[in-house]
């Protein structure tokens, strides 16, 4: 039919041919739009299907990540190093943001959430026995061998008398805090951008059972606090001996990664003033306390000795 109209239009004036061609183009354009129009799907919209797939994908991604897995994230992290405060053996609360910059994107929660707090045990049975068993046993005779004396407050305690807060003894850019975190982690650690301070791993506070993968949740504690050691005989030491005590990485019990609030509560208290929240850990705590005081020839008070004897009954 179109061909017949075209043959007739050849006899028309030029303007007639132009109008015929324009009308033909309009007709073809209308047919094209009609063919391209999508079919109405009233039962399920495209948006609903997409939303459902995204939701399923997010749930699947969360379930696929074991809570203790170190995700493949970049080392572009915030420095979370801390230093102890003077006068106590606890460190100030962290002001570092827990977010991990430049981390690899995963479905569901952010990488910082996946690498965040794992659990806070509510009973002794949730803590691995390996964290509770003492490195060495302390018999009643070992406790009896400690000299009993009142705390010596004749000389005011100064934190700087034990040297810098944390040092890098082997000059590998990892100071004492980083070394303890690397020693006690149950998973591979990652570092901050400087490559020196620890960002993530997996740690369990031996005295409370708190477990986390964020290094910023932990502070490094001297089991026998520096202030207590000072008043128990360390005030009479020279500076090098005090620094050796404060930075001792050779004894696995002398320095420990503790959950910040636990370390703050412990502060510079002796066993007659503070005991670990987990009673199951009392044996290890008392054993290590007695051994450290014996090794460094530090004294105990009468009430401190009584509290230690009570805890050692659990061994």
C-alpha atoms as a PDB file:
ATOM      1  CA  UNK A   1       0.000   0.000   0.000  1.00  0.00           C
ATOM      2  CA  UNK A   2       2.785   2.369   0.841  1.00  0.00           C
ATOM      3  CA  UNK A   3       4.368   1.676  -2.535  1.00  0.00           C
ATOM      4  CA  UNK A   4       1.128   2.574  -4.319  1.00  0.00           C
ATOM      5  CA  UNK A   5       0.906   5.867  -2.417  1.00  0.00           C
ATOM      6  CA  UNK A   6       4.524   6.610  -3.260  1.00  0.00           C
ATOM      7  CA  UNK A   7       3.847   6.045  -7.001  1.00  0.00           C
ATOM      8  CA  UNK A   8       0.924   8.445  -6.835  1.00  0.00           C
ATOM      9  CA  UNK A   9       2.955  11.050  -4.903  1.00  0.00           C
ATOM     10  CA  UNK A  10       5.403  11.271  -7.805  1.00  0.00           C
ATOM     11  CA  UNK A  11       2.762  13.164  -9.724  1.00  0.00           C
ATOM     12  CA  UNK A  12       2.218  15.613  -6.849  1.00  0.00           C
ATOM     13  CA  UNK A  13       3.961  18.977  -6.489  1.00  0.00           C
ATOM     14  CA  UNK A  14       7.238  19.045  -4.517  1.00  0.00           C
ATOM     15  CA  UNK A  15       5.542  20.209  -1.311  1.00  0.00           C
ATOM     16  CA  UNK A  16       3.114  17.326  -1.524  1.00  0.00           C
ATOM     17  CA  UNK A  17       5.995  14.872  -1.655  1.00  0.00           C
ATOM     18  CA  UNK A  18       7.585  16.560   1.386  1.00  0.00           C
ATOM     19  CA  UNK A  19       4.388  16.290   3.430  1.00  0.00           C
ATOM     20  CA  UNK A  20       4.018  12.643   2.411  1.00  0.00           C
ATOM     21  CA  UNK A  21       7.553  11.849   3.585  1.00  0.00           C
ATOM     22  CA  UNK A  22       7.032  13.672   6.912  1.00  0.00           C
ATOM     23  CA  UNK A  23       3.798  11.803   7.561  1.00  0.00           C
ATOM     24  CA  UNK A  24       5.538   8.527   6.835  1.00  0.00           C
ATOM     25  CA  UNK A  25       8.260   9.297   9.395  1.00  0.00           C
ATOM     26  CA  UNK A  26       5.672  10.171  12.062  1.00  0.00           C
ATOM     27  CA  UNK A  27       3.877   6.889  11.422  1.00  0.00           C
ATOM     28  CA  UNK A  28       7.076   4.862  11.718  1.00  0.00           C
ATOM     29  CA  UNK A  29       8.050   6.669  14.942  1.00  0.00           C
ATOM     30  CA  UNK A  30       4.700   5.835  16.541  1.00  0.00           C
ATOM     31  CA  UNK A  31       5.050   2.164  15.622  1.00  0.00           C
ATOM     32  CA  UNK A  32       8.558   2.088  17.139  1.00  0.00           C
ATOM     33  CA  UNK A  33       7.386   3.511  20.500  1.00  0.00           C
ATOM     34  CA  UNK A  34       4.493   1.067  20.601  1.00  0.00           C
ATOM     35  CA  UNK A  35       6.777  -1.916  20.107  1.00  0.00           C
ATOM     36  CA  UNK A  36       9.313  -0.687  22.723  1.00  0.00           C
ATOM     37  CA  UNK A  37       6.733  -0.068  25.490  1.00  0.00           C
ATOM     38  CA  UNK A  38       7.366  -2.517  28.463  1.00  0.00           C
ATOM     39  CA  UNK A  39       4.723  -4.966  29.517  1.00  0.00           C
ATOM     40  CA  UNK A  40       3.013  -4.090  32.807  1.00  0.00           C
ATOM     41  CA  UNK A  41       3.908  -6.615  35.521  1.00  0.00           C
ATOM     42  CA  UNK A  42       1.409  -5.950  38.247  1.00  0.00           C
ATOM     43  CA  UNK A  43       2.239  -9.027  40.326  1.00  0.00           C
ATOM     44  CA  UNK A  44       5.901  -8.231  41.146  1.00  0.00           C
ATOM     45  CA  UNK A  45       7.717  -5.039  40.242  1.00  0.00           C
ATOM     46  CA  UNK A  46      11.343  -4.897  39.155  1.00  0.00           C
ATOM     47  CA  UNK A  47      12.178  -2.956  42.311  1.00  0.00           C
ATOM     48  CA  UNK A  48      10.676  -5.641  44.557  1.00  0.00           C
ATOM     49  CA  UNK A  49      12.728  -8.347  42.875  1.00  0.00           C
ATOM     50  CA  UNK A  50      15.930  -6.308  43.189  1.00  0.00           C
ATOM     51  CA  UNK A  51      15.252  -5.562  46.851  1.00  0.00           C
ATOM     52  CA  UNK A  52      14.679  -9.216  47.619  1.00  0.00           C
ATOM     53  CA  UNK A  53      17.918 -10.243  45.916  1.00  0.00           C
ATOM     54  CA  UNK A  54      19.896  -7.582  47.803  1.00  0.00           C
ATOM     55  CA  UNK A  55      18.405  -8.705  51.125  1.00  0.00           C
ATOM     56  CA  UNK A  56      19.234 -12.350  50.464  1.00  0.00           C
ATOM     57  CA  UNK A  57      22.765 -11.444  49.390  1.00  0.00           C
ATOM     58  CA  UNK A  58      23.355  -9.407  52.553  1.00  0.00           C
ATOM     59  CA  UNK A  59      22.187 -12.247  54.815  1.00  0.00           C
ATOM     60  CA  UNK A  60      24.316 -14.730  52.930  1.00  0.00           C
ATOM     61  CA  UNK A  61      27.412 -12.534  53.239  1.00  0.00           C
ATOM     62  CA  UNK A  62      26.976 -12.134  57.011  1.00  0.00           C
ATOM     63  CA  UNK A  63      26.507 -15.845  57.553  1.00  0.00           C
ATOM     64  CA  UNK A  64      29.541 -16.676  55.457  1.00  0.00           C
ATOM     65  CA  UNK A  65      32.012 -14.731  57.632  1.00  0.00           C
ATOM     66  CA  UNK A  66      33.280 -16.553  60.703  1.00  0.00           C
ATOM     67  CA  UNK A  67      33.577 -14.002  63.557  1.00  0.00           C
ATOM     68  CA  UNK A  68      37.231 -14.796  64.127  1.00  0.00           C
ATOM     69  CA  UNK A  69      38.300 -14.600  60.493  1.00  0.00           C
ATOM     70  CA  UNK A  70      40.754 -11.833  59.634  1.00  0.00           C
ATOM     71  CA  UNK A  71      39.198 -10.280  56.567  1.00  0.00           C
ATOM     72  CA  UNK A  72      41.449  -9.143  53.695  1.00  0.00           C
ATOM     73  CA  UNK A  73      41.475  -5.465  54.519  1.00  0.00           C
ATOM     74  CA  UNK A  74      44.031  -2.810  53.774  1.00  0.00           C
ATOM     75  CA  UNK A  75      46.395  -1.524  56.420  1.00  0.00           C
ATOM     76  CA  UNK A  76      45.027   1.998  56.110  1.00  0.00           C
ATOM     77  CA  UNK A  77      43.920   2.205  59.740  1.00  0.00           C
ATOM     78  CA  UNK A  78      43.912   4.615  62.615  1.00  0.00           C
ATOM     79  CA  UNK A  79      46.820   4.443  65.032  1.00  0.00           C
ATOM     80  CA  UNK A  80      45.474   3.023  68.282  1.00  0.00           C
ATOM     81  CA  UNK A  81      48.625   3.166  70.439  1.00  0.00           C
ATOM     82  CA  UNK A  82      48.215   4.151  74.091  1.00  0.00           C
ATOM     83  CA  UNK A  83      50.448   5.041  77.016  1.00  0.00           C
ATOM     84  CA  UNK A  84      49.738   4.485  80.720  1.00  0.00           C
ATOM     85  CA  UNK A  85      48.867   7.362  82.979  1.00  0.00           C
ATOM     86  CA  UNK A  86      51.080   8.382  85.879  1.00  0.00           C
ATOM     87  CA  UNK A  87      50.128   7.143  89.312  1.00  0.00           C
ATOM     88  CA  UNK A  88      48.190   4.061  88.211  1.00  0.00           C
ATOM     89  CA  UNK A  89      48.782   1.023  86.076  1.00  0.00           C
ATOM     90  CA  UNK A  90      45.841   1.657  83.794  1.00  0.00           C
ATOM     91  CA  UNK A  91      45.677   3.469  80.463  1.00  0.00           C
ATOM     92  CA  UNK A  92      43.175   6.159  79.491  1.00  0.00           C
ATOM     93  CA  UNK A  93      40.093   5.197  77.535  1.00  0.00           C
ATOM     94  CA  UNK A  94      40.664   5.036  73.808  1.00  0.00           C
ATOM     95  CA  UNK A  95      39.489   7.939  71.703  1.00  0.00           C
ATOM     96  CA  UNK A  96      40.245   6.141  68.452  1.00  0.00           C
ATOM     97  CA  UNK A  97      37.374   5.579  66.050  1.00  0.00           C
ATOM     98  CA  UNK A  98      36.687   1.860  65.510  1.00  0.00           C
ATOM     99  CA  UNK A  99      36.047   2.299  61.801  1.00  0.00           C
ATOM    100  CA  UNK A 100      38.551   0.806  59.389  1.00  0.00           C
ATOM    101  CA  UNK A 101      39.408   3.103  56.526  1.00  0.00           C
ATOM    102  CA  UNK A 102      40.012   1.644  53.085  1.00  0.00           C
ATOM    103  CA  UNK A 103      38.676  -1.773  54.015  1.00  0.00           C
ATOM    104  CA  UNK A 104      37.478  -4.240  51.420  1.00  0.00           C
ATOM    105  CA  UNK A 105      33.717  -4.009  50.928  1.00  0.00           C
ATOM    106  CA  UNK A 106      31.684  -7.035  51.963  1.00  0.00           C
ATOM    107  CA  UNK A 107      27.950  -7.733  51.887  1.00  0.00           C
ATOM    108  CA  UNK A 108      25.936  -7.010  54.991  1.00  0.00           C
ATOM    109  CA  UNK A 109      27.685  -5.142  57.833  1.00  0.00           C
ATOM    110  CA  UNK A 110      30.821  -3.119  57.245  1.00  0.00           C
ATOM    111  CA  UNK A 111      34.255  -4.650  57.642  1.00  0.00           C
ATOM    112  CA  UNK A 112      34.722  -2.718  60.883  1.00  0.00           C
ATOM    113  CA  UNK A 113      31.598  -4.410  62.314  1.00  0.00           C
ATOM    114  CA  UNK A 114      32.766  -7.839  61.204  1.00  0.00           C
ATOM    115  CA  UNK A 115      36.100  -7.231  62.908  1.00  0.00           C
ATOM    116  CA  UNK A 116      34.565  -5.766  66.042  1.00  0.00           C
ATOM    117  CA  UNK A 117      33.742  -7.255  69.430  1.00  0.00           C
ATOM    118  CA  UNK A 118      33.150 -10.981  69.320  1.00  0.00           C
ATOM    119  CA  UNK A 119      31.730 -11.819  72.720  1.00  0.00           C
ATOM    120  CA  UNK A 120      31.722 -11.120  76.405  1.00  0.00           C
ATOM    121  CA  UNK A 121      31.548 -14.459  78.232  1.00  0.00           C
ATOM    122  CA  UNK A 122      29.062 -14.641  81.081  1.00  0.00           C
ATOM    123  CA  UNK A 123      30.529 -17.652  82.880  1.00  0.00           C
ATOM    124  CA  UNK A 124      33.916 -19.200  83.608  1.00  0.00           C
ATOM    125  CA  UNK A 125      33.188 -22.148  81.311  1.00  0.00           C
ATOM    126  CA  UNK A 126      33.348 -19.928  78.226  1.00  0.00           C
ATOM    127  CA  UNK A 127      37.069 -19.144  78.655  1.00  0.00           C
ATOM    128  CA  UNK A 128      39.588 -21.549  77.065  1.00  0.00           C
ATOM    129  CA  UNK A 129      41.446 -23.588  79.666  1.00  0.00           C
ATOM    130  CA  UNK A 130      44.743 -22.644  78.022  1.00  0.00           C
ATOM    131  CA  UNK A 131      44.188 -19.066  79.186  1.00  0.00           C
ATOM    132  CA  UNK A 132      43.439 -20.097  82.738  1.00  0.00           C
ATOM    133  CA  UNK A 133      46.177 -22.642  83.403  1.00  0.00           C
ATOM    134  CA  UNK A 134      49.190 -21.128  85.192  1.00  0.00           C
ATOM    135  CA  UNK A 135      52.514 -21.205  83.379  1.00  0.00           C
ATOM    136  CA  UNK A 136      54.062 -22.634  86.542  1.00  0.00           C
ATOM    137  CA  UNK A 137      52.541 -23.774  89.813  1.00  0.00           C
ATOM    138  CA  UNK A 138      52.946 -21.888  93.061  1.00  0.00           C
ATOM    139  CA  UNK A 139      53.014 -24.060  96.147  1.00  0.00           C
ATOM    140  CA  UNK A 140      52.161 -22.760  99.623  1.00  0.00           C
ATOM    141  CA  UNK A 141      55.885 -22.900 100.378  1.00  0.00           C
ATOM    142  CA  UNK A 142      56.548 -20.443  97.530  1.00  0.00           C
ATOM    143  CA  UNK A 143      54.066 -18.031  99.085  1.00  0.00           C
ATOM    144  CA  UNK A 144      55.567 -18.590 102.527  1.00  0.00           C
ATOM    145  CA  UNK A 145      58.977 -17.700 101.100  1.00  0.00           C
ATOM    146  CA  UNK A 146      57.880 -14.128 100.340  1.00  0.00           C
ATOM    147  CA  UNK A 147      58.904 -11.470 102.846  1.00  0.00           C
ATOM    148  CA  UNK A 148      55.934  -9.846 104.594  1.00  0.00           C
ATOM    149  CA  UNK A 149      56.123  -6.086 105.079  1.00  0.00           C
ATOM    150  CA  UNK A 150      53.886  -3.047 104.990  1.00  0.00           C
ATOM    151  CA  UNK A 151      53.823  -0.989 101.812  1.00  0.00           C
ATOM    152  CA  UNK A 152      56.565   1.612 101.798  1.00  0.00           C
ATOM    153  CA  UNK A 153      55.069   5.041 101.095  1.00  0.00           C
ATOM    154  CA  UNK A 154      58.083   6.998 102.293  1.00  0.00           C
ATOM    155  CA  UNK A 155      59.012   7.912  98.721  1.00  0.00           C
ATOM    156  CA  UNK A 156      56.291   9.157  96.370  1.00  0.00           C
ATOM    157  CA  UNK A 157      55.656   6.840  93.423  1.00  0.00           C
ATOM    158  CA  UNK A 158      56.527   8.227  89.979  1.00  0.00           C
ATOM    159  CA  UNK A 159      55.699   6.384  86.786  1.00  0.00           C
ATOM    160  CA  UNK A 160      58.680   7.906  84.991  1.00  0.00           C
ATOM    161  CA  UNK A 161      60.982   6.236  87.523  1.00  0.00           C
ATOM    162  CA  UNK A 162      60.353   3.043  85.497  1.00  0.00           C
ATOM    163  CA  UNK A 163      61.472   4.673  82.257  1.00  0.00           C
ATOM    164  CA  UNK A 164      59.437   5.487  79.127  1.00  0.00           C
ATOM    165  CA  UNK A 165      55.904   4.174  78.820  1.00  0.00           C
ATOM    166  CA  UNK A 166      56.690   1.629  76.083  1.00  0.00           C
ATOM    167  CA  UNK A 167      60.017   1.162  74.359  1.00  0.00           C
ATOM    168  CA  UNK A 168      61.150  -0.555  71.169  1.00  0.00           C
ATOM    169  CA  UNK A 169      63.975  -2.631  72.630  1.00  0.00           C
ATOM    170  CA  UNK A 170      64.941  -4.467  69.432  1.00  0.00           C
ATOM    171  CA  UNK A 171      64.273  -1.457  67.171  1.00  0.00           C
ATOM    172  CA  UNK A 172      61.931  -3.305  64.822  1.00  0.00           C
ATOM    173  CA  UNK A 173      59.376  -0.440  65.151  1.00  0.00           C
ATOM    174  CA  UNK A 174      57.154  -2.618  67.386  1.00  0.00           C
ATOM    175  CA  UNK A 175      57.161  -1.275  70.943  1.00  0.00           C
ATOM    176  CA  UNK A 176      56.340  -3.300  74.048  1.00  0.00           C
ATOM    177  CA  UNK A 177      52.589  -2.841  73.603  1.00  0.00           C
ATOM    178  CA  UNK A 178      52.721  -4.137  70.025  1.00  0.00           C
ATOM    179  CA  UNK A 179      54.974  -7.042  71.030  1.00  0.00           C
ATOM    180  CA  UNK A 180      52.525  -8.174  73.737  1.00  0.00           C
ATOM    181  CA  UNK A 181      49.587  -7.978  71.324  1.00  0.00           C
ATOM    182  CA  UNK A 182      51.533 -10.014  68.761  1.00  0.00           C
ATOM    183  CA  UNK A 183      52.479 -12.607  71.401  1.00  0.00           C
ATOM    184  CA  UNK A 184      48.963 -13.059  72.763  1.00  0.00           C
ATOM    185  CA  UNK A 185      46.857 -12.958  69.603  1.00  0.00           C
ATOM    186  CA  UNK A 186      44.970 -16.087  68.564  1.00  0.00           C
ATOM    187  CA  UNK A 187      44.761 -14.936  64.922  1.00  0.00           C
ATOM    188  CA  UNK A 188      47.115 -13.175  62.492  1.00  0.00           C
ATOM    189  CA  UNK A 189      47.463  -9.483  63.260  1.00  0.00           C
ATOM    190  CA  UNK A 190      47.152  -6.542  60.897  1.00  0.00           C
ATOM    191  CA  UNK A 191      48.928  -3.238  61.372  1.00  0.00           C
ATOM    192  CA  UNK A 192      48.121   0.434  61.053  1.00  0.00           C
ATOM    193  CA  UNK A 193      49.535   2.407  58.071  1.00  0.00           C
ATOM    194  CA  UNK A 194      52.854   2.956  59.826  1.00  0.00           C
ATOM    195  CA  UNK A 195      53.351  -0.817  59.985  1.00  0.00           C
ATOM    196  CA  UNK A 196      54.321  -0.572  63.650  1.00  0.00           C
ATOM    197  CA  UNK A 197      51.143  -0.458  65.748  1.00  0.00           C
ATOM    198  CA  UNK A 198      48.696  -3.357  65.793  1.00  0.00           C
ATOM    199  CA  UNK A 199      45.170  -2.845  64.425  1.00  0.00           C
ATOM    200  CA  UNK A 200      43.414  -6.227  64.535  1.00  0.00           C
ATOM    201  CA  UNK A 201      43.947  -9.812  65.651  1.00  0.00           C
ATOM    202  CA  UNK A 202      42.059 -11.825  68.257  1.00  0.00           C
ATOM    203  CA  UNK A 203      42.526 -11.524  72.007  1.00  0.00           C
ATOM    204  CA  UNK A 204      40.817 -12.829  75.124  1.00  0.00           C
ATOM    205  CA  UNK A 205      41.184 -11.013  78.427  1.00  0.00           C
ATOM    206  CA  UNK A 206      42.366 -13.775  80.814  1.00  0.00           C
ATOM    207  CA  UNK A 207      40.689 -12.192  83.849  1.00  0.00           C
ATOM    208  CA  UNK A 208      37.238 -11.394  82.396  1.00  0.00           C
ATOM    209  CA  UNK A 209      36.941 -13.577  79.304  1.00  0.00           C
ATOM    210  CA  UNK A 210      36.170 -10.595  77.058  1.00  0.00           C
ATOM    211  CA  UNK A 211      37.110 -11.423  73.459  1.00  0.00           C
ATOM    212  CA  UNK A 212      37.598  -9.031  70.559  1.00  0.00           C
ATOM    213  CA  UNK A 213      39.456  -8.619  67.297  1.00  0.00           C
ATOM    214  CA  UNK A 214      40.085  -4.884  67.798  1.00  0.00           C
ATOM    215  CA  UNK A 215      43.440  -4.004  69.385  1.00  0.00           C
ATOM    216  CA  UNK A 216      41.933  -0.699  70.521  1.00  0.00           C
ATOM    217  CA  UNK A 217      39.728  -2.639  72.983  1.00  0.00           C
ATOM    218  CA  UNK A 218      42.795  -3.717  74.964  1.00  0.00           C
ATOM    219  CA  UNK A 219      45.343  -2.089  77.236  1.00  0.00           C
ATOM    220  CA  UNK A 220      48.624  -3.631  78.355  1.00  0.00           C
ATOM    221  CA  UNK A 221      48.673  -4.324  82.085  1.00  0.00           C
ATOM    222  CA  UNK A 222      51.512  -5.134  84.477  1.00  0.00           C
ATOM    223  CA  UNK A 223      50.178  -8.052  86.521  1.00  0.00           C
ATOM    224  CA  UNK A 224      52.082  -6.712  89.519  1.00  0.00           C
ATOM    225  CA  UNK A 225      51.358  -2.997  89.032  1.00  0.00           C
ATOM    226  CA  UNK A 226      54.307  -0.642  88.897  1.00  0.00           C
ATOM    227  CA  UNK A 227      52.965   1.386  91.819  1.00  0.00           C
ATOM    228  CA  UNK A 228      52.649  -1.756  93.946  1.00  0.00           C
ATOM    229  CA  UNK A 229      56.132  -2.879  92.948  1.00  0.00           C
ATOM    230  CA  UNK A 230      57.456   0.580  93.882  1.00  0.00           C
ATOM    231  CA  UNK A 231      55.990   0.321  97.380  1.00  0.00           C
ATOM    232  CA  UNK A 232      57.118  -3.315  97.710  1.00  0.00           C
ATOM    233  CA  UNK A 233      60.824  -2.717  97.141  1.00  0.00           C
ATOM    234  CA  UNK A 234      61.310  -1.276  93.637  1.00  0.00           C
ATOM    235  CA  UNK A 235      61.774   2.227  95.044  1.00  0.00           C
ATOM    236  CA  UNK A 236      65.241   1.079  96.093  1.00  0.00           C
ATOM    237  CA  UNK A 237      66.221  -0.239  92.652  1.00  0.00           C
ATOM    238  CA  UNK A 238      68.274   1.627  90.102  1.00  0.00           C
ATOM    239  CA  UNK A 239      66.640   2.947  86.949  1.00  0.00           C
ATOM    240  CA  UNK A 240      67.792   0.161  84.656  1.00  0.00           C
ATOM    241  CA  UNK A 241      66.319  -2.551  86.903  1.00  0.00           C
ATOM    242  CA  UNK A 242      63.003  -0.705  87.151  1.00  0.00           C
ATOM    243  CA  UNK A 243      62.860  -0.318  83.358  1.00  0.00           C
ATOM    244  CA  UNK A 244      63.635  -4.019  82.901  1.00  0.00           C
ATOM    245  CA  UNK A 245      60.702  -4.834  85.173  1.00  0.00           C
ATOM    246  CA  UNK A 246      58.329  -2.478  83.346  1.00  0.00           C
ATOM    247  CA  UNK A 247      59.256  -3.738  79.848  1.00  0.00           C
ATOM    248  CA  UNK A 248      59.754  -7.444  80.599  1.00  0.00           C
ATOM    249  CA  UNK A 249      58.693  -9.483  77.557  1.00  0.00           C
ATOM    250  CA  UNK A 250      60.484 -12.617  78.737  1.00  0.00           C
ATOM    251  CA  UNK A 251      57.801 -13.565  81.270  1.00  0.00           C
ATOM    252  CA  UNK A 252      54.462 -14.468  79.615  1.00  0.00           C
ATOM    253  CA  UNK A 253      52.540 -13.528  82.756  1.00  0.00           C
ATOM    254  CA  UNK A 254      54.117 -10.199  83.649  1.00  0.00           C
ATOM    255  CA  UNK A 255      52.454  -8.195  80.833  1.00  0.00           C
ATOM    256  CA  UNK A 256      48.915  -8.963  79.680  1.00  0.00           C
ATOM    257  CA  UNK A 257      46.427  -7.556  77.165  1.00  0.00           C
ATOM    258  CA  UNK A 258      43.330  -6.683  79.215  1.00  0.00           C
ATOM    259  CA  UNK A 259      39.985  -5.257  78.220  1.00  0.00           C
ATOM    260  CA  UNK A 260      40.156  -1.516  78.922  1.00  0.00           C
ATOM    261  CA  UNK A 261      37.461  -1.402  81.673  1.00  0.00           C
ATOM    262  CA  UNK A 262      39.018  -4.416  83.430  1.00  0.00           C
ATOM    263  CA  UNK A 263      42.452  -2.804  83.446  1.00  0.00           C
ATOM    264  CA  UNK A 264      40.970   0.427  84.763  1.00  0.00           C
ATOM    265  CA  UNK A 265      39.214  -1.436  87.578  1.00  0.00           C
ATOM    266  CA  UNK A 266      42.403  -3.339  88.458  1.00  0.00           C
ATOM    267  CA  UNK A 267      44.557  -0.187  88.389  1.00  0.00           C
ATOM    268  CA  UNK A 268      47.390  -0.545  90.959  1.00  0.00           C
ATOM    269  CA  UNK A 269      45.460  -2.777  93.376  1.00  0.00           C
ATOM    270  CA  UNK A 270      46.893  -5.875  95.081  1.00  0.00           C
ATOM    271  CA  UNK A 271      44.983  -9.203  95.336  1.00  0.00           C
ATOM    272  CA  UNK A 272      43.433  -8.201  98.676  1.00  0.00           C
ATOM    273  CA  UNK A 273      41.866  -5.192  96.909  1.00  0.00           C
ATOM    274  CA  UNK A 274      41.002  -6.631  93.501  1.00  0.00           C
ATOM    275  CA  UNK A 275      40.467 -10.128  92.113  1.00  0.00           C
ATOM    276  CA  UNK A 276      39.737 -11.193  88.521  1.00  0.00           C
ATOM    277  CA  UNK A 277      36.007 -11.275  87.703  1.00  0.00           C
ATOM    278  CA  UNK A 278      36.373 -14.905  86.576  1.00  0.00           C
ATOM    279  CA  UNK A 279      36.998 -17.004  89.668  1.00  0.00           C
ATOM    280  CA  UNK A 280      38.269 -19.785  87.410  1.00  0.00           C
ATOM    281  CA  UNK A 281      41.271 -17.574  86.606  1.00  0.00           C
ATOM    282  CA  UNK A 282      42.225 -16.999  90.254  1.00  0.00           C
ATOM    283  CA  UNK A 283      44.738 -19.870  90.264  1.00  0.00           C
ATOM    284  CA  UNK A 284      46.685 -18.478  87.326  1.00  0.00           C
ATOM    285  CA  UNK A 285      46.494 -14.927  88.668  1.00  0.00           C
ATOM    286  CA  UNK A 286      47.724 -15.809  92.180  1.00  0.00           C
ATOM    287  CA  UNK A 287      50.384 -18.192  90.870  1.00  0.00           C
ATOM    288  CA  UNK A 288      51.831 -15.549  88.550  1.00  0.00           C
ATOM    289  CA  UNK A 289      51.677 -12.866  91.267  1.00  0.00           C
ATOM    290  CA  UNK A 290      53.620 -15.006  93.747  1.00  0.00           C
ATOM    291  CA  UNK A 291      56.217 -16.053  91.171  1.00  0.00           C
ATOM    292  CA  UNK A 292      56.815 -12.500  89.921  1.00  0.00           C
ATOM    293  CA  UNK A 293      57.201 -11.135  93.439  1.00  0.00           C
ATOM    294  CA  UNK A 294      59.604 -13.952  94.307  1.00  0.00           C
ATOM    295  CA  UNK A 295      61.639 -13.453  91.108  1.00  0.00           C
ATOM    296  CA  UNK A 296      62.065  -9.725  91.751  1.00  0.00           C
ATOM    297  CA  UNK A 297      62.424 -10.031  95.557  1.00  0.00           C
ATOM    298  CA  UNK A 298      59.349  -7.889  96.242  1.00  0.00           C
ATOM    299  CA  UNK A 299      57.474  -8.010  99.534  1.00  0.00           C
ATOM    300  CA  UNK A 300      53.802  -8.731 100.251  1.00  0.00           C
ATOM    301  CA  UNK A 301      51.552  -7.342 102.962  1.00  0.00           C
ATOM    302  CA  UNK A 302      49.827  -9.647 105.453  1.00  0.00           C
ATOM    303  CA  UNK A 303      46.405  -9.118 103.877  1.00  0.00           C
ATOM    304  CA  UNK A 304      47.857  -9.570 100.384  1.00  0.00           C
ATOM    305  CA  UNK A 305      49.391 -12.888 101.450  1.00  0.00           C
ATOM    306  CA  UNK A 306      46.089 -14.060 102.933  1.00  0.00           C
ATOM    307  CA  UNK A 307      44.210 -13.217  99.722  1.00  0.00           C
ATOM    308  CA  UNK A 308      46.812 -15.058  97.637  1.00  0.00           C
ATOM    309  CA  UNK A 309      46.562 -18.147  99.840  1.00  0.00           C
ATOM    310  CA  UNK A 310      42.787 -18.159  99.382  1.00  0.00           C
ATOM    311  CA  UNK A 311      43.068 -17.957  95.603  1.00  0.00           C
ATOM    312  CA  UNK A 312      45.769 -20.625  95.457  1.00  0.00           C
ATOM    313  CA  UNK A 313      43.298 -23.081  97.032  1.00  0.00           C
ATOM    314  CA  UNK A 314      41.646 -23.213  93.599  1.00  0.00           C
ATOM    315  CA  UNK A 315      44.754 -24.683  91.974  1.00  0.00           C
END
